[in-house]
C-alpha atoms as a PDB file:
ATOM      1  CA  MET A   1     -42.866  38.939  -2.132  1.00  0.00           C
ATOM      2  CA  PRO A   2     -42.834  42.818  -1.975  1.00  0.00           C
ATOM      3  CA  LYS A   3     -44.222  44.472  -5.052  1.00  0.00           C
ATOM      4  CA  ALA A   4     -41.616  46.101  -7.326  1.00  0.00           C
ATOM      5  CA  THR A   5     -41.964  49.805  -7.497  1.00  0.00           C
ATOM      6  CA  ARG A   6     -39.234  50.807  -9.701  1.00  0.00           C
ATOM      7  CA  PHE A   7     -41.564  50.646 -12.770  1.00  0.00           C
ATOM      8  CA  SER A   8     -45.123  51.349 -12.670  1.00  0.00           C
ATOM      9  CA  PHE A   9     -48.091  51.830 -15.099  1.00  0.00           C
ATOM     10  CA  ASP A  10     -51.290  53.615 -14.250  1.00  0.00           C
ATOM     11  CA  GLY A  11     -53.471  53.334 -17.708  1.00  0.00           C
ATOM     12  CA  GLY A  12     -56.876  52.123 -17.720  1.00  0.00           C
ATOM     13  CA  ALA A  13     -58.855  49.876 -20.079  1.00  0.00           C
ATOM     14  CA  ALA A  14     -61.397  52.488 -21.139  1.00  0.00           C
ATOM     15  CA  THR A  15     -58.897  55.053 -22.495  1.00  0.00           C
ATOM     16  CA  TYR A  16     -56.844  52.099 -23.813  1.00  0.00           C
ATOM     17  CA  VAL A  17     -59.529  50.559 -25.908  1.00  0.00           C
ATOM     18  CA  GLY A  18     -60.498  54.188 -27.172  1.00  0.00           C
ATOM     19  CA  THR A  19     -57.068  54.966 -28.177  1.00  0.00           C
ATOM     20  CA  ALA A  20     -56.491  51.654 -29.961  1.00  0.00           C
ATOM     21  CA  ILE A  21     -60.020  51.902 -31.815  1.00  0.00           C
ATOM     22  CA  LEU A  22     -59.098  55.472 -33.072  1.00  0.00           C
ATOM     23  CA  GLY A  23     -55.487  54.392 -34.106  1.00  0.00           C
ATOM     24  CA  ILE A  24     -57.345  51.357 -35.903  1.00  0.00           C
ATOM     25  CA  LEU A  25     -59.710  53.720 -37.670  1.00  0.00           C
ATOM     26  CA  ILE A  26     -57.273  56.169 -38.775  1.00  0.00           C
ATOM     27  CA  THR A  27     -55.165  53.241 -40.312  1.00  0.00           C
ATOM     28  CA  VAL A  28     -57.983  51.330 -42.057  1.00  0.00           C
ATOM     29  CA  PHE A  29     -59.756  54.473 -43.594  1.00  0.00           C
ATOM     30  CA  THR A  30     -56.494  55.776 -45.043  1.00  0.00           C
ATOM     31  CA  LEU A  31     -55.328  52.109 -46.246  1.00  0.00           C
ATOM     32  CA  GLY A  32     -52.429  52.424 -43.901  1.00  0.00           C
ATOM     33  CA  ILE A  33     -50.940  55.773 -45.292  1.00  0.00           C
ATOM     34  CA  CYS A  34     -51.645  57.449 -41.975  1.00  0.00           C
ATOM     35  CA  TYR A  35     -50.534  54.737 -39.610  1.00  0.00           C
ATOM     36  CA  PRO A  36     -47.815  56.982 -38.217  1.00  0.00           C
ATOM     37  CA  PHE A  37     -50.567  59.329 -36.714  1.00  0.00           C
ATOM     38  CA  ALA A  38     -51.939  55.866 -35.041  1.00  0.00           C
ATOM     39  CA  VAL A  39     -48.350  55.011 -33.766  1.00  0.00           C
ATOM     40  CA  VAL A  40     -47.950  58.655 -32.200  1.00  0.00           C
ATOM     41  CA  LEU A  41     -51.378  58.511 -30.549  1.00  0.00           C
ATOM     42  CA  THR A  42     -50.807  55.147 -29.091  1.00  0.00           C
ATOM     43  CA  GLU A  43     -47.027  55.717 -27.799  1.00  0.00           C
ATOM     44  CA  ARG A  44     -48.300  59.109 -26.356  1.00  0.00           C
ATOM     45  CA  TRP A  45     -50.862  57.270 -24.154  1.00  0.00           C
ATOM     46  CA  ARG A  46     -48.434  54.448 -23.224  1.00  0.00           C
ATOM     47  CA  CYS A  47     -45.822  56.906 -22.281  1.00  0.00           C
ATOM     48  CA  LYS A  48     -48.441  59.148 -20.448  1.00  0.00           C
ATOM     49  CA  HIS A  49     -49.109  56.168 -18.105  1.00  0.00           C
ATOM     50  CA  THR A  50     -45.385  54.518 -17.766  1.00  0.00           C
ATOM     51  CA  PHE A  51     -43.211  55.686 -15.009  1.00  0.00           C
ATOM     52  CA  ILE A  52     -39.755  54.539 -14.358  1.00  0.00           C
ATOM     53  CA  ASP A  53     -38.286  55.436 -10.654  1.00  0.00           C
ATOM     54  CA  GLY A  54     -41.147  57.738 -10.212  1.00  0.00           C
ATOM     55  CA  GLN A  55     -40.407  59.507 -13.416  1.00  0.00           C
ATOM     56  CA  GLN A  56     -43.231  59.820 -16.001  1.00  0.00           C
ATOM     57  CA  LEU A  57     -41.948  58.951 -19.824  1.00  0.00           C
ATOM     58  CA  VAL A  58     -42.934  61.224 -22.726  1.00  0.00           C
ATOM     59  CA  PHE A  59     -43.189  60.785 -26.197  1.00  0.00           C
ATOM     60  CA  THR A  60     -41.529  63.342 -28.251  1.00  0.00           C
ATOM     61  CA  GLY A  61     -41.960  61.923 -31.811  1.00  0.00           C
ATOM     62  CA  SER A  62     -44.382  63.277 -34.560  1.00  0.00           C
ATOM     63  CA  ALA A  63     -46.257  61.833 -37.124  1.00  0.00           C
ATOM     64  CA  VAL A  64     -44.883  64.000 -39.686  1.00  0.00           C
ATOM     65  CA  GLY A  65     -41.679  63.132 -38.804  1.00  0.00           C
ATOM     66  CA  LEU A  66     -42.440  59.582 -39.244  1.00  0.00           C
ATOM     67  CA  LEU A  67     -44.592  59.724 -42.442  1.00  0.00           C
ATOM     68  CA  GLY A  68     -41.891  60.000 -44.946  1.00  0.00           C
ATOM     69  CA  ARG A  69     -40.321  57.003 -43.920  1.00  0.00           C
ATOM     70  CA  TRP A  70     -43.445  55.107 -43.531  1.00  0.00           C
ATOM     71  CA  LEU A  71     -44.274  55.858 -47.087  1.00  0.00           C
ATOM     72  CA  ILE A  72     -41.100  54.362 -48.340  1.00  0.00           C
ATOM     73  CA  TRP A  73     -41.322  51.299 -45.949  1.00  0.00           C
ATOM     74  CA  LEU A  74     -44.904  50.984 -47.108  1.00  0.00           C
ATOM     75  CA  LEU A  75     -44.003  50.974 -50.653  1.00  0.00           C
ATOM     76  CA  LEU A  76     -41.275  48.436 -49.871  1.00  0.00           C
ATOM     77  CA  ILE A  77     -43.738  46.063 -48.091  1.00  0.00           C
ATOM     78  CA  LEU A  78     -45.960  46.230 -51.218  1.00  0.00           C
ATOM     79  CA  VAL A  79     -43.131  45.516 -53.534  1.00  0.00           C
ATOM     80  CA  THR A  80     -41.614  42.917 -51.573  1.00  0.00           C
ATOM     81  CA  LEU A  81     -45.176  41.332 -51.052  1.00  0.00           C
ATOM     82  CA  GLY A  82     -44.625  41.851 -47.208  1.00  0.00           C
ATOM     83  CA  ILE A  83     -41.209  40.365 -46.884  1.00  0.00           C
ATOM     84  CA  TYR A  84     -39.888  43.851 -45.907  1.00  0.00           C
ATOM     85  CA  LEU A  85     -41.997  43.852 -42.646  1.00  0.00           C
ATOM     86  CA  PHE A  86     -39.138  41.814 -41.192  1.00  0.00           C
ATOM     87  CA  TRP A  87     -37.109  45.236 -41.513  1.00  0.00           C
ATOM     88  CA  VAL A  88     -39.617  47.646 -40.665  1.00  0.00           C
ATOM     89  CA  ALA A  89     -40.589  46.168 -37.491  1.00  0.00           C
ATOM     90  CA  PRO A  90     -37.345  46.729 -35.542  1.00  0.00           C
ATOM     91  CA  ARG A  91     -36.797  50.228 -37.366  1.00  0.00           C
ATOM     92  CA  LEU A  92     -40.278  51.247 -36.244  1.00  0.00           C
ATOM     93  CA  GLN A  93     -39.291  50.076 -32.691  1.00  0.00           C
ATOM     94  CA  GLU A  94     -36.034  51.803 -32.744  1.00  0.00           C
ATOM     95  CA  TRP A  95     -37.908  55.096 -34.000  1.00  0.00           C
ATOM     96  CA  LYS A  96     -40.304  54.745 -30.910  1.00  0.00           C
ATOM     97  CA  THR A  97     -37.678  54.168 -28.436  1.00  0.00           C
ATOM     98  CA  VAL A  98     -35.369  56.947 -29.650  1.00  0.00           C
ATOM     99  CA  ASN A  99     -38.607  59.355 -29.239  1.00  0.00           C
ATOM    100  CA  THR A 100     -39.080  58.303 -25.750  1.00  0.00           C
ATOM    101  CA  ASN A 101     -37.930  60.425 -22.872  1.00  0.00           C
ATOM    102  CA  PHE A 102     -38.430  61.253 -19.227  1.00  0.00           C
ATOM    103  CA  ALA A 103     -40.856  64.124 -18.630  1.00  0.00           C
ATOM    104  CA  VAL A 104     -39.071  67.293 -17.556  1.00  0.00           C
ATOM    105  CA  PRO A 105     -39.824  67.756 -14.060  1.00  0.00           C
ATOM    106  CA  VAL A 106     -41.823  71.053 -13.357  1.00  0.00           C
ATOM    107  CA  ALA A 107     -39.837  73.383 -10.797  1.00  0.00           C
ATOM    108  CA  PRO A 108     -41.598  73.969  -7.594  1.00  0.00           C
ATOM    109  CA  ILE A 109     -43.549  77.256  -7.337  1.00  0.00           C
ATOM    110  CA  SER A 110     -41.236  78.216  -4.277  1.00  0.00           C
ATOM    111  CA  SER A 111     -38.213  78.530  -6.574  1.00  0.00           C
ATOM    112  CA  TRP A 112     -39.577  81.568  -8.089  1.00  0.00           C
ATOM    113  CA  ALA A 113     -38.064  84.950  -6.974  1.00  0.00           C
ATOM    114  CA  PRO A 114     -38.854  88.489  -8.002  1.00  0.00           C
ATOM    115  CA  ASN A 115     -36.292  90.338 -10.168  1.00  0.00           C
ATOM    116  CA  VAL A 116     -34.772  92.815  -7.516  1.00  0.00           C
ATOM    117  CA  LEU A 117     -33.160  94.732 -10.186  1.00  0.00           C
ATOM    118  CA  ALA A 118     -36.499  95.869 -11.724  1.00  0.00           C
ATOM    119  CA  ALA A 119     -37.460  97.475  -8.240  1.00  0.00           C
ATOM    120  CA  SER A 120     -34.533  99.412  -8.022  1.00  0.00           C
END
């Protein structure tokens, strides 16, 4: 059976483990408050190594953009003794998905042309 080439992933174990450990440390040492920074770190790694139809993905979300929501979600998780996690998981996945795009391809160098009006 031929190998599917529409989707590909080129990430390695060493960089994955390093990124995951850094994300865990950020989360643990801040008691979960800086979890959005860990999410952005891991999502950027995942997108950097993911290709669909030869196009690389890029993660455009920022930790600061998620921080406000995360603090509210964290408070609701604590108040409801963890029950609100059932609502946070899909909302977090939605935020990740909305902030994932295809990388803009770089124009080839040969498409550059000098400004002929400036030379006149």
